[in-house]
């Protein structure tokens, strides 16, 4: 089934409802995935300016929406919302490109930074920062796998191919190192180069 929606930046599905965010909008649109029709309900998030991505955590039944310099947390039950995480501090500032969620951990990707930031969805604390290799000049999306590795879509490859898209699977240092320092280095398991056609 085809859904016609302008300017979609992110989609998340829970049960039989699809949640959609569009750029330069303060609303989350809802669609029924069984009937393929929009619902009469629209979630209006006052203060949200430019949503870039949306994910849903099945454990806590919360939506997480990446905005310019923050991440909103929205309840799927009663549509209440809070500004969950700020991406601005006195020492760091980054624009969120993409989100992914795994078992109460929110992974935040920023295209302008060679870092993945992992937060707890229960207490909003930063769990760790994963430093990515230097050749990844722009990072567009990252996900954590069930075995604790990270799959990252990026620009630039380990073979000094700066003008090429790639998907890399990375694994972090040992558990002991993780406990000592949250600034982790990663090693490449797989580096899959993607070719694009015009």
N, C-alpha and C. Protein backbone atom coordinates (compact mmCIF):
# COMPACT_ATOMS: atom_id res chain seq x y z
N UNK A 1 0.85 -1.19 0.00
CA UNK A 1 0.00 0.00 0.00
C UNK A 1 0.88 1.24 0.00
N UNK A 2 0.48 2.26 -0.73
CA UNK A 2 1.22 3.50 -0.85
C UNK A 2 0.60 4.56 0.04
N UNK A 3 1.44 5.15 0.91
CA UNK A 3 1.02 6.29 1.72
C UNK A 3 1.61 7.54 1.08
N UNK A 4 0.79 8.54 0.82
CA UNK A 4 1.27 9.77 0.21
C UNK A 4 1.38 10.84 1.30
N UNK A 5 2.62 11.14 1.68
CA UNK A 5 2.89 12.13 2.72
C UNK A 5 4.09 12.94 2.25
N UNK A 6 4.01 14.25 2.34
CA UNK A 6 5.10 15.12 1.88
C UNK A 6 6.19 15.27 2.94
N UNK A 7 7.44 15.25 2.51
CA UNK A 7 8.57 15.60 3.36
C UNK A 7 8.80 14.69 4.55
N UNK A 8 8.62 13.39 4.40
CA UNK A 8 8.78 12.46 5.51
C UNK A 8 10.25 12.37 5.92
N UNK A 9 10.50 12.54 7.22
CA UNK A 9 11.85 12.40 7.75
C UNK A 9 12.02 11.15 8.59
N UNK A 10 10.92 10.57 9.07
CA UNK A 10 11.04 9.38 9.90
C UNK A 10 9.72 8.66 10.07
N UNK A 11 9.82 7.33 10.26
CA UNK A 11 8.65 6.49 10.42
C UNK A 11 8.94 5.46 11.50
N UNK A 12 7.95 5.21 12.37
CA UNK A 12 8.05 4.16 13.39
C UNK A 12 6.71 3.45 13.46
N UNK A 13 6.73 2.16 13.76
CA UNK A 13 5.50 1.37 13.82
C UNK A 13 5.44 0.63 15.15
N UNK A 14 4.29 0.70 15.81
CA UNK A 14 4.03 -0.07 17.02
C UNK A 14 2.60 -0.58 16.95
N UNK A 15 2.45 -1.88 17.17
CA UNK A 15 1.16 -2.54 17.03
C UNK A 15 0.65 -2.28 15.61
N UNK A 16 -0.50 -1.69 15.44
CA UNK A 16 -1.00 -1.45 14.08
C UNK A 16 -1.04 0.04 13.75
N UNK A 17 -0.18 0.81 14.40
CA UNK A 17 -0.13 2.26 14.15
C UNK A 17 1.25 2.66 13.65
N UNK A 18 1.26 3.44 12.57
CA UNK A 18 2.48 4.01 12.03
C UNK A 18 2.54 5.48 12.43
N UNK A 19 3.68 5.90 12.99
CA UNK A 19 3.91 7.27 13.43
C UNK A 19 4.87 7.92 12.43
N UNK A 20 4.50 9.09 11.92
CA UNK A 20 5.27 9.74 10.86
C UNK A 20 5.62 11.16 11.26
N UNK A 21 6.90 11.54 11.09
CA UNK A 21 7.30 12.93 11.29
C UNK A 21 7.79 13.49 9.97
N UNK A 22 7.47 14.76 9.75
CA UNK A 22 7.89 15.48 8.55
C UNK A 22 8.70 16.69 8.96
N UNK A 23 9.61 17.11 8.10
CA UNK A 23 10.46 18.26 8.39
C UNK A 23 9.68 19.54 8.59
N UNK A 24 10.22 20.41 9.45
CA UNK A 24 9.64 21.72 9.75
C UNK A 24 8.19 21.61 10.22
N UNK A 25 7.91 20.65 11.08
CA UNK A 25 6.56 20.43 11.59
C UNK A 25 6.63 20.12 13.08
N UNK A 26 5.60 20.49 13.81
CA UNK A 26 5.53 20.18 15.23
C UNK A 26 4.57 19.03 15.51
N UNK A 27 4.18 18.30 14.47
CA UNK A 27 3.19 17.24 14.65
C UNK A 27 3.75 15.87 14.29
N UNK A 28 3.14 14.85 14.90
CA UNK A 28 3.38 13.46 14.55
C UNK A 28 2.07 12.94 13.99
N UNK A 29 2.09 12.47 12.75
CA UNK A 29 0.88 11.96 12.10
C UNK A 29 0.76 10.47 12.37
N UNK A 30 -0.48 9.99 12.52
CA UNK A 30 -0.74 8.58 12.80
C UNK A 30 -1.52 7.95 11.67
N UNK A 31 -1.14 6.71 11.33
CA UNK A 31 -1.80 5.96 10.27
C UNK A 31 -2.09 4.55 10.77
N UNK A 32 -3.22 4.01 10.36
CA UNK A 32 -3.57 2.63 10.68
C UNK A 32 -2.93 1.73 9.63
N UNK A 33 -2.10 0.78 10.06
CA UNK A 33 -1.40 -0.08 9.10
C UNK A 33 -2.30 -1.18 8.55
N UNK A 34 -3.43 -1.44 9.20
CA UNK A 34 -4.36 -2.46 8.69
C UNK A 34 -5.26 -1.90 7.59
N UNK A 35 -5.79 -0.69 7.81
CA UNK A 35 -6.70 -0.10 6.84
C UNK A 35 -5.98 0.84 5.87
N UNK A 36 -4.69 1.13 6.14
CA UNK A 36 -3.89 2.02 5.29
C UNK A 36 -4.48 3.42 5.20
N UNK A 37 -5.03 3.89 6.31
CA UNK A 37 -5.66 5.21 6.29
C UNK A 37 -5.16 6.05 7.46
N UNK A 38 -5.16 7.38 7.29
CA UNK A 38 -4.74 8.25 8.39
C UNK A 38 -5.76 8.21 9.52
N UNK A 39 -5.28 8.33 10.73
CA UNK A 39 -6.16 8.41 11.89
C UNK A 39 -6.55 9.87 12.12
N UNK A 40 -7.65 10.07 12.82
CA UNK A 40 -8.10 11.43 13.11
C UNK A 40 -7.20 12.10 14.15
N UNK A 41 -6.40 11.32 14.83
CA UNK A 41 -5.54 11.84 15.89
C UNK A 41 -4.21 12.32 15.31
N UNK A 42 -3.78 13.49 15.73
CA UNK A 42 -2.46 14.02 15.40
C UNK A 42 -1.83 14.44 16.72
N UNK A 43 -0.58 14.03 16.95
CA UNK A 43 0.11 14.44 18.17
C UNK A 43 0.83 15.75 17.90
N UNK A 44 0.45 16.80 18.61
CA UNK A 44 1.10 18.09 18.46
C UNK A 44 2.11 18.27 19.58
N UNK A 45 3.40 18.35 19.24
CA UNK A 45 4.47 18.50 20.21
C UNK A 45 4.90 19.95 20.20
N UNK A 46 4.37 20.71 21.15
CA UNK A 46 4.66 22.15 21.20
C UNK A 46 6.15 22.36 21.49
N UNK A 47 6.81 23.11 20.63
CA UNK A 47 8.24 23.36 20.77
C UNK A 47 9.09 22.56 19.81
N UNK A 48 8.54 21.50 19.23
CA UNK A 48 9.28 20.73 18.24
C UNK A 48 9.32 21.54 16.94
N UNK A 49 10.51 21.67 16.35
CA UNK A 49 10.66 22.55 15.20
C UNK A 49 10.96 21.82 13.90
N UNK A 50 11.91 20.90 13.94
CA UNK A 50 12.36 20.26 12.71
C UNK A 50 12.71 18.79 12.98
N UNK A 51 11.69 17.93 13.14
CA UNK A 51 11.97 16.53 13.44
C UNK A 51 12.72 15.85 12.30
N UNK A 52 13.76 15.09 12.68
CA UNK A 52 14.61 14.47 11.68
C UNK A 52 14.48 12.96 11.65
N UNK A 53 14.02 12.36 12.75
CA UNK A 53 13.85 10.92 12.80
C UNK A 53 12.94 10.58 13.97
N UNK A 54 12.36 9.37 13.94
CA UNK A 54 11.49 8.90 15.01
C UNK A 54 11.70 7.40 15.17
N UNK A 55 11.77 6.95 16.42
CA UNK A 55 11.83 5.52 16.72
C UNK A 55 10.87 5.24 17.86
N UNK A 56 10.53 3.96 18.04
CA UNK A 56 9.64 3.59 19.14
C UNK A 56 10.30 2.48 19.94
N UNK A 57 10.23 2.59 21.26
CA UNK A 57 10.73 1.56 22.16
C UNK A 57 9.55 0.71 22.61
N UNK A 58 9.56 -0.56 22.27
CA UNK A 58 8.47 -1.46 22.64
C UNK A 58 8.42 -1.71 24.15
N UNK A 59 9.57 -1.63 24.82
CA UNK A 59 9.62 -1.89 26.26
C UNK A 59 8.86 -0.85 27.07
N UNK A 60 9.08 0.43 26.77
CA UNK A 60 8.41 1.48 27.55
C UNK A 60 7.28 2.17 26.77
N UNK A 61 7.03 1.72 25.53
CA UNK A 61 5.95 2.26 24.68
C UNK A 61 6.06 3.79 24.55
N UNK A 62 7.29 4.22 24.27
CA UNK A 62 7.58 5.64 24.08
C UNK A 62 8.14 5.86 22.68
N UNK A 63 7.76 6.98 22.09
CA UNK A 63 8.37 7.44 20.85
C UNK A 63 9.54 8.35 21.21
N UNK A 64 10.61 8.28 20.45
CA UNK A 64 11.74 9.19 20.61
C UNK A 64 11.90 9.91 19.28
N UNK A 65 11.84 11.25 19.34
CA UNK A 65 11.87 12.06 18.12
C UNK A 65 13.09 12.97 18.17
N UNK A 66 13.93 12.88 17.15
CA UNK A 66 15.10 13.74 17.04
C UNK A 66 14.68 15.07 16.46
N UNK A 67 14.94 16.14 17.21
CA UNK A 67 14.70 17.50 16.75
C UNK A 67 16.07 18.15 16.57
N UNK A 68 16.11 19.42 16.25
CA UNK A 68 17.38 20.09 15.95
C UNK A 68 18.46 19.81 17.00
N UNK A 69 18.24 20.23 18.24
CA UNK A 69 19.24 20.04 19.28
C UNK A 69 18.67 19.36 20.52
N UNK A 70 17.67 18.50 20.31
CA UNK A 70 17.12 17.75 21.44
C UNK A 70 16.42 16.50 20.93
N UNK A 71 16.05 15.65 21.87
CA UNK A 71 15.28 14.45 21.55
C UNK A 71 14.05 14.45 22.44
N UNK A 72 12.87 14.42 21.81
CA UNK A 72 11.60 14.41 22.53
C UNK A 72 11.20 12.98 22.87
N UNK A 73 10.58 12.81 24.02
CA UNK A 73 10.00 11.52 24.41
C UNK A 73 8.49 11.68 24.46
N UNK A 74 7.77 10.86 23.69
CA UNK A 74 6.32 10.99 23.55
C UNK A 74 5.67 9.65 23.89
N UNK A 75 4.69 9.68 24.77
CA UNK A 75 3.97 8.46 25.14
C UNK A 75 3.00 8.07 24.04
N UNK A 76 3.01 6.79 23.63
CA UNK A 76 2.04 6.34 22.63
C UNK A 76 0.66 6.13 23.26
N UNK A 77 0.60 6.03 24.59
CA UNK A 77 -0.66 5.79 25.28
C UNK A 77 -1.52 7.05 25.39
N UNK A 78 -0.92 8.11 25.96
CA UNK A 78 -1.72 9.32 26.20
C UNK A 78 -1.20 10.55 25.45
N UNK A 79 -0.15 10.37 24.65
CA UNK A 79 0.41 11.42 23.79
C UNK A 79 1.02 12.58 24.57
N UNK A 80 1.31 12.38 25.86
CA UNK A 80 2.06 13.39 26.60
C UNK A 80 3.51 13.35 26.14
N UNK A 81 4.22 14.45 26.31
CA UNK A 81 5.59 14.51 25.82
C UNK A 81 6.45 15.35 26.74
N UNK A 82 7.74 15.08 26.71
CA UNK A 82 8.74 15.88 27.42
C UNK A 82 9.96 16.00 26.51
N UNK A 83 10.69 17.07 26.71
CA UNK A 83 11.96 17.23 26.02
C UNK A 83 12.94 16.34 26.76
N UNK A 84 13.21 15.17 26.21
CA UNK A 84 13.94 14.15 26.93
C UNK A 84 15.42 14.37 27.06
N UNK A 85 16.10 14.69 25.99
CA UNK A 85 17.54 14.84 26.00
C UNK A 85 17.94 16.09 25.22
N UNK A 86 18.83 16.86 25.79
CA UNK A 86 19.38 18.00 25.06
C UNK A 86 20.70 17.58 24.44
N UNK A 87 20.95 17.99 23.22
CA UNK A 87 22.22 17.68 22.57
C UNK A 87 23.15 18.88 22.62
N UNK A 88 22.83 19.83 23.50
CA UNK A 88 23.69 20.99 23.69
C UNK A 88 24.16 21.02 25.14
N UNK A 89 25.44 21.25 25.33
CA UNK A 89 25.98 21.44 26.67
C UNK A 89 27.11 22.45 26.56
N UNK A 90 27.74 22.75 27.68
CA UNK A 90 28.84 23.72 27.64
C UNK A 90 30.07 23.15 26.95
N UNK A 91 30.16 21.81 26.86
CA UNK A 91 31.34 21.19 26.25
C UNK A 91 31.06 20.53 24.91
N UNK A 92 29.80 20.31 24.58
CA UNK A 92 29.48 19.55 23.38
C UNK A 92 28.16 20.05 22.79
N UNK A 93 28.07 20.02 21.46
CA UNK A 93 26.84 20.39 20.77
C UNK A 93 26.82 19.64 19.45
N UNK A 94 25.72 18.96 19.17
CA UNK A 94 25.65 18.21 17.92
C UNK A 94 24.21 18.14 17.46
N UNK A 95 24.05 18.04 16.14
CA UNK A 95 22.74 17.90 15.52
C UNK A 95 22.49 16.41 15.31
N UNK A 96 21.33 15.93 15.72
CA UNK A 96 21.00 14.51 15.57
C UNK A 96 20.59 14.23 14.12
N UNK A 97 21.21 13.22 13.53
CA UNK A 97 20.85 12.78 12.19
C UNK A 97 19.85 11.64 12.24
N UNK A 98 20.11 10.66 13.10
CA UNK A 98 19.26 9.47 13.14
C UNK A 98 19.27 8.84 14.53
N UNK A 99 18.21 8.08 14.80
CA UNK A 99 18.06 7.38 16.07
C UNK A 99 17.83 5.90 15.80
N UNK A 100 18.22 5.07 16.76
CA UNK A 100 17.80 3.67 16.78
C UNK A 100 17.69 3.27 18.25
N UNK A 101 16.84 2.30 18.51
CA UNK A 101 16.61 1.89 19.89
C UNK A 101 16.70 0.37 20.00
N UNK A 102 17.38 -0.08 21.04
CA UNK A 102 17.53 -1.51 21.31
C UNK A 102 17.45 -1.74 22.81
N UNK A 103 16.44 -2.44 23.26
CA UNK A 103 16.34 -2.88 24.65
C UNK A 103 16.68 -1.78 25.66
N UNK A 104 15.91 -0.70 25.60
CA UNK A 104 16.07 0.44 26.52
C UNK A 104 17.38 1.21 26.38
N UNK A 105 18.00 1.09 25.21
CA UNK A 105 19.17 1.90 24.90
C UNK A 105 18.91 2.65 23.61
N UNK A 106 19.11 3.95 23.64
CA UNK A 106 18.88 4.82 22.48
C UNK A 106 20.22 5.18 21.88
N UNK A 107 20.42 4.85 20.60
CA UNK A 107 21.66 5.17 19.91
C UNK A 107 21.43 6.40 19.03
N UNK A 108 22.27 7.40 19.23
CA UNK A 108 22.12 8.69 18.55
C UNK A 108 23.28 8.87 17.57
N UNK A 109 22.94 9.16 16.32
CA UNK A 109 23.94 9.39 15.28
C UNK A 109 23.89 10.84 14.85
N UNK A 110 25.07 11.44 14.65
CA UNK A 110 25.16 12.81 14.15
C UNK A 110 26.09 12.81 12.94
N UNK A 111 25.64 13.35 11.82
CA UNK A 111 26.45 13.33 10.59
C UNK A 111 27.72 14.14 10.75
N UNK A 112 27.71 15.15 11.61
CA UNK A 112 28.85 16.04 11.73
C UNK A 112 29.90 15.52 12.71
N UNK A 113 29.64 14.39 13.33
CA UNK A 113 30.53 13.87 14.36
C UNK A 113 30.84 12.41 14.08
N UNK A 114 32.08 12.00 14.32
CA UNK A 114 32.44 10.60 14.15
C UNK A 114 32.26 9.86 15.48
N UNK A 115 31.09 10.05 16.06
CA UNK A 115 30.77 9.41 17.34
C UNK A 115 29.35 8.90 17.32
N UNK A 116 29.14 7.77 17.97
CA UNK A 116 27.80 7.30 18.29
C UNK A 116 27.62 7.51 19.78
N UNK A 117 26.48 8.04 20.18
CA UNK A 117 26.20 8.27 21.60
C UNK A 117 25.07 7.34 22.02
N UNK A 118 25.29 6.62 23.09
CA UNK A 118 24.29 5.67 23.56
C UNK A 118 23.75 6.13 24.92
N UNK A 119 22.41 6.28 24.99
CA UNK A 119 21.74 6.75 26.20
C UNK A 119 20.81 5.68 26.75
N UNK A 120 20.60 5.71 28.05
CA UNK A 120 19.60 4.85 28.69
C UNK A 120 18.24 5.50 28.52
N UNK A 121 17.23 4.72 28.10
CA UNK A 121 15.88 5.29 27.98
C UNK A 121 15.19 5.35 29.35
N UNK A 122 15.72 4.66 30.36
CA UNK A 122 15.09 4.68 31.68
C UNK A 122 15.47 5.93 32.48
N UNK A 123 16.75 6.31 32.46
CA UNK A 123 17.15 7.48 33.26
C UNK A 123 17.80 8.59 32.43
N UNK A 124 17.82 8.44 31.11
CA UNK A 124 18.32 9.45 30.16
C UNK A 124 19.82 9.74 30.32
N UNK A 125 20.54 8.88 30.99
CA UNK A 125 21.98 9.07 31.19
C UNK A 125 22.76 8.60 29.97
N UNK A 126 23.85 9.30 29.68
CA UNK A 126 24.75 8.89 28.62
C UNK A 126 25.50 7.65 29.10
N UNK A 127 25.34 6.54 28.38
CA UNK A 127 25.99 5.29 28.76
C UNK A 127 27.41 5.22 28.22
N UNK A 128 27.58 5.60 26.97
CA UNK A 128 28.91 5.60 26.38
C UNK A 128 28.92 6.37 25.07
N UNK A 129 30.13 6.75 24.69
CA UNK A 129 30.37 7.41 23.41
C UNK A 129 31.31 6.50 22.64
N UNK A 130 30.91 6.11 21.44
CA UNK A 130 31.72 5.23 20.61
C UNK A 130 32.41 6.08 19.55
N UNK A 131 33.73 6.15 19.63
CA UNK A 131 34.52 6.90 18.65
C UNK A 131 34.65 6.07 17.38
N UNK A 132 34.37 6.67 16.24
CA UNK A 132 34.43 5.97 14.96
C UNK A 132 35.73 6.29 14.24
N UNK A 133 36.14 5.46 13.29
CA UNK A 133 37.40 5.69 12.56
C UNK A 133 37.42 7.04 11.84
N UNK A 134 38.61 7.58 11.68
CA UNK A 134 38.81 8.89 11.07
C UNK A 134 38.31 8.96 9.63
N UNK A 135 38.38 7.86 8.89
CA UNK A 135 38.00 7.92 7.48
C UNK A 135 36.51 8.09 7.27
N UNK A 136 35.72 7.89 8.32
CA UNK A 136 34.27 8.11 8.20
C UNK A 136 34.01 9.61 8.28
N UNK A 137 34.01 10.26 7.14
CA UNK A 137 33.91 11.72 7.15
C UNK A 137 32.51 12.21 7.49
N UNK A 138 31.48 11.47 7.11
CA UNK A 138 30.11 11.82 7.47
C UNK A 138 29.38 10.53 7.85
N UNK A 139 28.72 10.54 8.99
CA UNK A 139 28.02 9.35 9.48
C UNK A 139 26.53 9.64 9.43
N UNK A 140 25.77 8.75 8.78
CA UNK A 140 24.35 9.02 8.56
C UNK A 140 23.41 8.18 9.41
N UNK A 141 23.80 6.98 9.76
CA UNK A 141 22.91 6.16 10.59
C UNK A 141 23.73 5.08 11.28
N UNK A 142 23.33 4.78 12.51
CA UNK A 142 23.97 3.70 13.25
C UNK A 142 22.93 2.90 14.00
N UNK A 143 23.14 1.59 14.08
CA UNK A 143 22.27 0.72 14.87
C UNK A 143 23.14 -0.23 15.67
N UNK A 144 22.64 -0.61 16.85
CA UNK A 144 23.32 -1.61 17.66
C UNK A 144 22.70 -2.97 17.36
N UNK A 145 23.53 -3.98 17.16
CA UNK A 145 23.02 -5.32 16.91
C UNK A 145 22.79 -6.04 18.23
N UNK A 146 22.13 -7.19 18.17
CA UNK A 146 21.86 -7.95 19.39
C UNK A 146 23.13 -8.55 19.98
N UNK A 147 24.20 -8.62 19.21
CA UNK A 147 25.46 -9.15 19.75
C UNK A 147 26.43 -8.04 20.18
N UNK A 148 25.94 -6.81 20.23
CA UNK A 148 26.74 -5.72 20.77
C UNK A 148 27.65 -5.04 19.79
N UNK A 149 27.52 -5.33 18.49
CA UNK A 149 28.30 -4.60 17.49
C UNK A 149 27.46 -3.43 16.98
N UNK A 150 28.07 -2.59 16.18
CA UNK A 150 27.37 -1.44 15.62
C UNK A 150 27.48 -1.47 14.10
N UNK A 151 26.36 -1.26 13.42
CA UNK A 151 26.36 -1.16 11.97
C UNK A 151 26.14 0.31 11.63
N UNK A 152 27.04 0.86 10.82
CA UNK A 152 27.06 2.30 10.56
C UNK A 152 27.05 2.57 9.06
N UNK A 153 26.15 3.44 8.61
CA UNK A 153 26.14 3.93 7.24
C UNK A 153 26.92 5.24 7.20
N UNK A 154 27.89 5.35 6.28
CA UNK A 154 28.77 6.52 6.30
C UNK A 154 29.32 6.81 4.91
N UNK A 155 30.02 7.92 4.83
CA UNK A 155 30.70 8.39 3.62
C UNK A 155 32.20 8.21 3.86
N UNK A 156 32.90 7.59 2.91
CA UNK A 156 34.33 7.34 3.07
C UNK A 156 34.57 5.90 3.51
N UNK A 157 35.64 5.29 3.01
CA UNK A 157 35.92 3.89 3.34
C UNK A 157 37.34 3.74 3.88
N UNK A 158 37.60 2.55 4.41
CA UNK A 158 38.92 2.28 4.98
C UNK A 158 40.00 2.18 3.91
N UNK A 159 39.62 2.07 2.65
CA UNK A 159 40.60 2.02 1.55
C UNK A 159 40.82 3.42 0.96
N UNK A 160 40.63 4.45 1.78
CA UNK A 160 40.82 5.84 1.35
C UNK A 160 39.96 6.23 0.17
N UNK A 161 38.78 5.67 0.08
CA UNK A 161 37.83 6.04 -0.96
C UNK A 161 36.89 7.09 -0.37
N UNK A 162 37.30 8.34 -0.38
CA UNK A 162 36.54 9.40 0.26
C UNK A 162 35.22 9.67 -0.43
N UNK A 163 35.12 9.38 -1.71
CA UNK A 163 33.91 9.68 -2.44
C UNK A 163 33.05 8.43 -2.64
N UNK A 164 32.90 7.66 -1.59
CA UNK A 164 32.13 6.43 -1.70
C UNK A 164 31.32 6.20 -0.42
N UNK A 165 30.08 5.75 -0.60
CA UNK A 165 29.24 5.37 0.53
C UNK A 165 29.65 3.98 1.00
N UNK A 166 29.46 3.71 2.29
CA UNK A 166 29.78 2.39 2.81
C UNK A 166 28.92 2.08 4.02
N UNK A 167 28.79 0.80 4.30
CA UNK A 167 28.16 0.32 5.53
C UNK A 167 29.21 -0.53 6.23
N UNK A 168 29.52 -0.20 7.47
CA UNK A 168 30.55 -0.94 8.21
C UNK A 168 29.95 -1.51 9.48
N UNK A 169 30.41 -2.70 9.83
CA UNK A 169 30.05 -3.28 11.11
C UNK A 169 31.25 -3.15 12.01
N UNK A 170 31.04 -2.58 13.18
CA UNK A 170 32.12 -2.30 14.11
C UNK A 170 31.88 -3.03 15.41
N UNK A 171 32.96 -3.39 16.09
CA UNK A 171 32.79 -3.89 17.45
C UNK A 171 33.68 -3.07 18.37
N UNK A 172 33.24 -2.90 19.60
CA UNK A 172 33.96 -2.06 20.54
C UNK A 172 34.95 -2.89 21.32
N UNK A 173 35.72 -2.20 22.15
CA UNK A 173 36.72 -2.88 22.96
C UNK A 173 36.07 -3.82 23.96
N UNK A 174 36.85 -4.53 24.69
CA UNK A 174 36.34 -5.53 25.63
C UNK A 174 35.49 -4.90 26.72
N UNK A 175 34.74 -5.74 27.43
CA UNK A 175 33.87 -5.27 28.51
C UNK A 175 34.69 -4.57 29.59
N UNK A 176 35.86 -5.09 29.89
CA UNK A 176 36.70 -4.48 30.92
C UNK A 176 37.07 -3.06 30.54
N UNK A 177 37.41 -2.84 29.28
CA UNK A 177 37.75 -1.50 28.83
C UNK A 177 36.53 -0.59 28.89
N UNK A 178 35.35 -1.15 28.58
CA UNK A 178 34.12 -0.37 28.63
C UNK A 178 33.85 0.15 30.03
N UNK A 179 34.14 -0.67 31.02
CA UNK A 179 33.87 -0.26 32.39
C UNK A 179 34.83 0.82 32.85
N UNK A 180 36.02 0.87 32.26
CA UNK A 180 37.01 1.86 32.67
C UNK A 180 36.83 3.20 31.98
N UNK A 181 36.36 3.17 30.75
CA UNK A 181 36.33 4.40 29.96
C UNK A 181 35.18 4.32 28.96
N UNK A 182 34.31 5.33 28.96
CA UNK A 182 33.19 5.29 28.02
C UNK A 182 33.57 5.84 26.65
N UNK A 183 34.77 6.34 26.48
CA UNK A 183 35.24 6.79 25.17
C UNK A 183 35.85 5.59 24.45
N UNK A 184 35.05 4.84 23.72
CA UNK A 184 35.49 3.59 23.13
C UNK A 184 36.00 3.76 21.71
N UNK A 185 37.00 2.97 21.40
CA UNK A 185 37.44 2.87 20.02
C UNK A 185 36.76 1.67 19.39
N UNK A 186 36.67 1.66 18.09
CA UNK A 186 36.03 0.55 17.40
C UNK A 186 36.97 -0.04 16.37
N UNK A 187 36.75 -1.30 16.08
CA UNK A 187 37.51 -1.99 15.05
C UNK A 187 36.54 -2.48 13.98
N UNK A 188 36.98 -2.51 12.74
CA UNK A 188 36.12 -2.89 11.63
C UNK A 188 36.01 -4.41 11.54
N UNK A 189 34.78 -4.91 11.50
CA UNK A 189 34.55 -6.32 11.19
C UNK A 189 34.32 -6.48 9.69
N UNK A 190 33.43 -5.67 9.17
CA UNK A 190 33.09 -5.72 7.75
C UNK A 190 33.00 -4.30 7.23
N UNK A 191 33.43 -4.09 6.02
CA UNK A 191 33.33 -2.78 5.38
C UNK A 191 32.73 -3.02 4.00
N UNK A 192 31.44 -2.77 3.87
CA UNK A 192 30.73 -3.05 2.63
C UNK A 192 30.56 -1.74 1.87
N UNK A 193 31.17 -1.65 0.71
CA UNK A 193 31.06 -0.44 -0.07
C UNK A 193 29.80 -0.46 -0.91
N UNK A 194 29.13 0.67 -0.94
CA UNK A 194 27.90 0.79 -1.73
C UNK A 194 28.18 1.63 -2.96
N UNK A 195 27.70 1.20 -4.07
CA UNK A 195 27.85 1.99 -5.29
C UNK A 195 26.51 2.64 -5.60
N UNK A 196 26.56 3.84 -6.08
CA UNK A 196 25.33 4.55 -6.44
C UNK A 196 25.32 4.81 -7.93
N UNK A 197 24.14 4.79 -8.51
CA UNK A 197 24.01 5.08 -9.93
C UNK A 197 23.15 6.32 -10.09
N UNK A 198 23.46 7.08 -11.09
CA UNK A 198 22.72 8.32 -11.34
C UNK A 198 21.82 8.11 -12.53
